[in-house]
Each structure stands twice: as structure tokens, then as C-alpha cells.
């Protein structure tokens, strides 16, 4: 059990570092074509027999984490990000039941699918990120 908790902790910290680096990599004033806010929803879907474990998701350095998800589907609460936000990202891990198991993560911005990431195998880890500006 300690080994599993260590792996989840290491996974979450790694994702946080990626979010922080990517979120700070662009400096933009928002531009005149930017919406006043972004409504962001993250989704994950795994094939039958898989178990969703943990996820880190959010925008820039505003990160949420969830663990012990269970099941094969998950949807985040809607996140409202300011127009100054740079990037939305999600990282999800799951355990597959066989080598053909799949995991798909999606990012929806203002109700439109913007980015998708996939993973195949028994130790599944899918990542997606979408620039907002």
C-alpha cells in the first residue's frame, strides 16, 4: 500500500511541475479576441475492466487533484478560468485489465472539445493540454 501511495504522490507532484512550467511559459495580455472567462471541463474514459486511479487537472498553476476515482468514466466540475489563463491541462492514470486496455482524457473549453490524449496498456497514463491564448 505504501508503494502505491508513493507512486500516486510522485505522479501528482510530477504533473504539478508540468502544469507550473507550461502555465508560466507564455506571457500574453489576453488580446482583444479573448473571452472574459473560459468554462473548462475535463473528462476521462477507460475501456471495460479498467479502474481510474488519480488525476491532476486545471489551468496554469491552479491545479486540482482527485484520487481513488474508481470506475471507467469521470467528469470534473466546471472550472471558470480568467481570460488571462494560458493553458488547460489534465493528467490521469488508471490500471488496465489487459495490454489492449485504453484510457482517453479530454479537455472541453466553452463546451467545445479542444484536446484529447490517449494511453494503451495495463499501466495507463494519459495527458492532454490545450493553450487558451
C-alpha atoms as a PDB file:
ATOM      1  CA  UNK A   1       0.000   0.000   0.000  1.00  0.00           C
ATOM      2  CA  UNK A   2       2.867   2.401   0.820  1.00  0.00           C
ATOM      3  CA  UNK A   3       4.402   1.753  -2.597  1.00  0.00           C
ATOM      4  CA  UNK A   4       1.095   2.600  -4.302  1.00  0.00           C
ATOM      5  CA  UNK A   5       0.684   5.816  -2.281  1.00  0.00           C
ATOM      6  CA  UNK A   6       4.271   6.797  -3.108  1.00  0.00           C
ATOM      7  CA  UNK A   7       3.620   6.282  -6.827  1.00  0.00           C
ATOM      8  CA  UNK A   8       0.439   8.393  -6.704  1.00  0.00           C
ATOM      9  CA  UNK A   9       2.232  11.139  -4.776  1.00  0.00           C
ATOM     10  CA  UNK A  10       5.130  11.106  -7.220  1.00  0.00           C
ATOM     11  CA  UNK A  11       2.664  11.193 -10.150  1.00  0.00           C
ATOM     12  CA  UNK A  12       0.743  14.174  -8.712  1.00  0.00           C
ATOM     13  CA  UNK A  13       3.937  16.129  -7.975  1.00  0.00           C
ATOM     14  CA  UNK A  14       5.272  15.474 -11.485  1.00  0.00           C
ATOM     15  CA  UNK A  15       2.058  16.681 -13.058  1.00  0.00           C
ATOM     16  CA  UNK A  16       2.043  19.766 -10.859  1.00  0.00           C
ATOM     17  CA  UNK A  17       5.564  20.600 -12.036  1.00  0.00           C
ATOM     18  CA  UNK A  18       4.493  20.231 -15.675  1.00  0.00           C
ATOM     19  CA  UNK A  19       1.466  22.487 -15.116  1.00  0.00           C
ATOM     20  CA  UNK A  20       3.633  25.094 -13.431  1.00  0.00           C
ATOM     21  CA  UNK A  21       6.266  25.113 -16.177  1.00  0.00           C
ATOM     22  CA  UNK A  22       3.751  25.156 -19.040  1.00  0.00           C
ATOM     23  CA  UNK A  23       1.492  27.678 -17.315  1.00  0.00           C
ATOM     24  CA  UNK A  24       4.337  30.137 -16.873  1.00  0.00           C
ATOM     25  CA  UNK A  25       5.823  29.675 -20.336  1.00  0.00           C
ATOM     26  CA  UNK A  26       3.668  32.281 -22.098  1.00  0.00           C
ATOM     27  CA  UNK A  27       3.190  35.936 -21.257  1.00  0.00           C
ATOM     28  CA  UNK A  28       0.201  37.484 -23.046  1.00  0.00           C
ATOM     29  CA  UNK A  29      -2.044  40.435 -22.301  1.00  0.00           C
ATOM     30  CA  UNK A  30      -5.158  38.454 -23.295  1.00  0.00           C
ATOM     31  CA  UNK A  31      -5.668  40.252 -26.598  1.00  0.00           C
ATOM     32  CA  UNK A  32      -8.929  41.799 -27.769  1.00  0.00           C
ATOM     33  CA  UNK A  33     -10.311  38.494 -29.149  1.00  0.00           C
ATOM     34  CA  UNK A  34     -10.081  36.674 -25.812  1.00  0.00           C
ATOM     35  CA  UNK A  35     -13.308  35.828 -23.978  1.00  0.00           C
ATOM     36  CA  UNK A  36     -13.789  37.323 -20.495  1.00  0.00           C
ATOM     37  CA  UNK A  37     -13.600  33.800 -18.981  1.00  0.00           C
ATOM     38  CA  UNK A  38     -13.171  30.192 -20.049  1.00  0.00           C
ATOM     39  CA  UNK A  39     -15.502  27.424 -18.873  1.00  0.00           C
ATOM     40  CA  UNK A  40     -13.331  24.292 -18.737  1.00  0.00           C
ATOM     41  CA  UNK A  41     -14.467  20.689 -18.210  1.00  0.00           C
ATOM     42  CA  UNK A  42     -12.143  17.681 -18.114  1.00  0.00           C
ATOM     43  CA  UNK A  43     -13.305  14.145 -18.887  1.00  0.00           C
ATOM     44  CA  UNK A  44     -11.753  10.686 -18.745  1.00  0.00           C
ATOM     45  CA  UNK A  45     -12.955   7.360 -20.125  1.00  0.00           C
ATOM     46  CA  UNK A  46     -11.314   3.961 -19.795  1.00  0.00           C
ATOM     47  CA  UNK A  47     -12.185   0.701 -21.511  1.00  0.00           C
ATOM     48  CA  UNK A  48     -14.195  -2.011 -19.752  1.00  0.00           C
ATOM     49  CA  UNK A  49     -12.369  -3.700 -16.890  1.00  0.00           C
ATOM     50  CA  UNK A  50     -10.121  -0.702 -16.166  1.00  0.00           C
ATOM     51  CA  UNK A  51     -10.043   1.311 -12.966  1.00  0.00           C
ATOM     52  CA  UNK A  52      -9.407   5.064 -12.922  1.00  0.00           C
ATOM     53  CA  UNK A  53      -6.955   5.933 -10.131  1.00  0.00           C
ATOM     54  CA  UNK A  54      -5.901   9.581  -9.869  1.00  0.00           C
ATOM     55  CA  UNK A  55      -5.947  12.822 -11.808  1.00  0.00           C
ATOM     56  CA  UNK A  56      -4.462  16.303 -11.712  1.00  0.00           C
ATOM     57  CA  UNK A  57      -6.240  18.924 -13.774  1.00  0.00           C
ATOM     58  CA  UNK A  58      -6.674  22.661 -14.066  1.00  0.00           C
ATOM     59  CA  UNK A  59      -5.185  25.718 -15.696  1.00  0.00           C
ATOM     60  CA  UNK A  60      -1.815  27.415 -15.264  1.00  0.00           C
ATOM     61  CA  UNK A  61      -0.830  26.898 -11.610  1.00  0.00           C
ATOM     62  CA  UNK A  62      -4.438  26.444 -10.422  1.00  0.00           C
ATOM     63  CA  UNK A  63      -4.445  22.683 -10.005  1.00  0.00           C
ATOM     64  CA  UNK A  64      -6.974  20.248  -8.560  1.00  0.00           C
ATOM     65  CA  UNK A  65      -6.266  16.628  -7.747  1.00  0.00           C
ATOM     66  CA  UNK A  66      -8.519  13.669  -7.187  1.00  0.00           C
ATOM     67  CA  UNK A  67      -7.546  10.138  -6.187  1.00  0.00           C
ATOM     68  CA  UNK A  68      -9.228   6.754  -5.719  1.00  0.00           C
ATOM     69  CA  UNK A  69     -11.662   7.596  -8.524  1.00  0.00           C
ATOM     70  CA  UNK A  70     -12.720   4.042  -9.449  1.00  0.00           C
ATOM     71  CA  UNK A  71     -14.971   3.130 -12.352  1.00  0.00           C
ATOM     72  CA  UNK A  72     -14.340   3.763 -16.035  1.00  0.00           C
ATOM     73  CA  UNK A  73     -15.649   7.331 -16.533  1.00  0.00           C
ATOM     74  CA  UNK A  74     -15.088  10.629 -14.778  1.00  0.00           C
ATOM     75  CA  UNK A  75     -16.041  14.274 -15.383  1.00  0.00           C
ATOM     76  CA  UNK A  76     -14.621  17.226 -13.483  1.00  0.00           C
ATOM     77  CA  UNK A  77     -16.718  20.034 -12.116  1.00  0.00           C
ATOM     78  CA  UNK A  78     -16.771  23.040 -14.447  1.00  0.00           C
ATOM     79  CA  UNK A  79     -13.825  25.340 -13.808  1.00  0.00           C
ATOM     80  CA  UNK A  80     -14.087  29.038 -14.645  1.00  0.00           C
ATOM     81  CA  UNK A  81     -10.700  30.398 -15.691  1.00  0.00           C
ATOM     82  CA  UNK A  82      -9.950  34.082 -16.334  1.00  0.00           C
ATOM     83  CA  UNK A  83      -9.172  35.344 -19.826  1.00  0.00           C
ATOM     84  CA  UNK A  84      -5.543  35.727 -18.732  1.00  0.00           C
ATOM     85  CA  UNK A  85      -5.199  31.945 -18.294  1.00  0.00           C
ATOM     86  CA  UNK A  86      -2.609  30.383 -20.603  1.00  0.00           C
ATOM     87  CA  UNK A  87      -3.091  26.624 -20.650  1.00  0.00           C
ATOM     88  CA  UNK A  88      -5.557  23.964 -19.514  1.00  0.00           C
ATOM     89  CA  UNK A  89      -4.166  20.509 -18.779  1.00  0.00           C
ATOM     90  CA  UNK A  90      -5.111  17.117 -17.380  1.00  0.00           C
ATOM     91  CA  UNK A  91      -3.163  14.047 -16.396  1.00  0.00           C
ATOM     92  CA  UNK A  92      -4.958  10.816 -15.444  1.00  0.00           C
ATOM     93  CA  UNK A  93      -3.700   7.380 -14.533  1.00  0.00           C
ATOM     94  CA  UNK A  94      -5.547   4.059 -14.466  1.00  0.00           C
ATOM     95  CA  UNK A  95      -4.961   0.333 -14.258  1.00  0.00           C
ATOM     96  CA  UNK A  96      -5.853  -1.647 -17.382  1.00  0.00           C
ATOM     97  CA  UNK A  97      -7.203  -5.186 -17.367  1.00  0.00           C
ATOM     98  CA  UNK A  98      -5.118  -6.314 -20.360  1.00  0.00           C
ATOM     99  CA  UNK A  99      -2.499  -4.976 -22.838  1.00  0.00           C
ATOM    100  CA  UNK A 100      -5.256  -3.663 -25.138  1.00  0.00           C
ATOM    101  CA  UNK A 101      -6.870  -1.512 -22.406  1.00  0.00           C
ATOM    102  CA  UNK A 102      -7.322   2.171 -23.254  1.00  0.00           C
ATOM    103  CA  UNK A 103      -7.592   5.455 -21.388  1.00  0.00           C
ATOM    104  CA  UNK A 104      -8.754   8.691 -23.012  1.00  0.00           C
ATOM    105  CA  UNK A 105      -8.718  12.184 -21.463  1.00  0.00           C
ATOM    106  CA  UNK A 106     -10.433  15.216 -22.978  1.00  0.00           C
ATOM    107  CA  UNK A 107     -10.445  18.968 -22.458  1.00  0.00           C
ATOM    108  CA  UNK A 108     -13.597  20.942 -23.258  1.00  0.00           C
ATOM    109  CA  UNK A 109     -13.405  24.736 -23.372  1.00  0.00           C
ATOM    110  CA  UNK A 110     -16.676  26.670 -23.505  1.00  0.00           C
ATOM    111  CA  UNK A 111     -18.472  23.425 -24.421  1.00  0.00           C
ATOM    112  CA  UNK A 112     -16.187  22.518 -27.344  1.00  0.00           C
ATOM    113  CA  UNK A 113     -13.779  19.561 -27.353  1.00  0.00           C
ATOM    114  CA  UNK A 114     -10.320  21.102 -27.771  1.00  0.00           C
ATOM    115  CA  UNK A 115      -7.818  18.364 -26.963  1.00  0.00           C
ATOM    116  CA  UNK A 116      -7.642  14.630 -26.377  1.00  0.00           C
ATOM    117  CA  UNK A 117      -4.912  12.364 -25.041  1.00  0.00           C
ATOM    118  CA  UNK A 118      -4.824   8.555 -25.010  1.00  0.00           C
ATOM    119  CA  UNK A 119      -2.907   5.672 -23.491  1.00  0.00           C
ATOM    120  CA  UNK A 120      -2.879   1.940 -24.224  1.00  0.00           C
ATOM    121  CA  UNK A 121      -1.700  -0.927 -21.991  1.00  0.00           C
ATOM    122  CA  UNK A 122      -2.040  -2.121 -18.413  1.00  0.00           C
ATOM    123  CA  UNK A 123      -0.382   0.837 -16.635  1.00  0.00           C
ATOM    124  CA  UNK A 124      -2.287   3.713 -18.225  1.00  0.00           C
ATOM    125  CA  UNK A 125      -1.295   7.376 -18.073  1.00  0.00           C
ATOM    126  CA  UNK A 126      -2.896   9.914 -20.418  1.00  0.00           C
ATOM    127  CA  UNK A 127      -2.059  13.607 -20.649  1.00  0.00           C
ATOM    128  CA  UNK A 128      -3.661  16.442 -22.619  1.00  0.00           C
ATOM    129  CA  UNK A 129      -3.007  20.156 -22.638  1.00  0.00           C
ATOM    130  CA  UNK A 130      -4.595  22.992 -24.616  1.00  0.00           C
ATOM    131  CA  UNK A 131      -3.344  26.575 -24.970  1.00  0.00           C
ATOM    132  CA  UNK A 132      -6.084  29.052 -24.037  1.00  0.00           C
ATOM    133  CA  UNK A 133      -4.429  32.154 -25.518  1.00  0.00           C
END
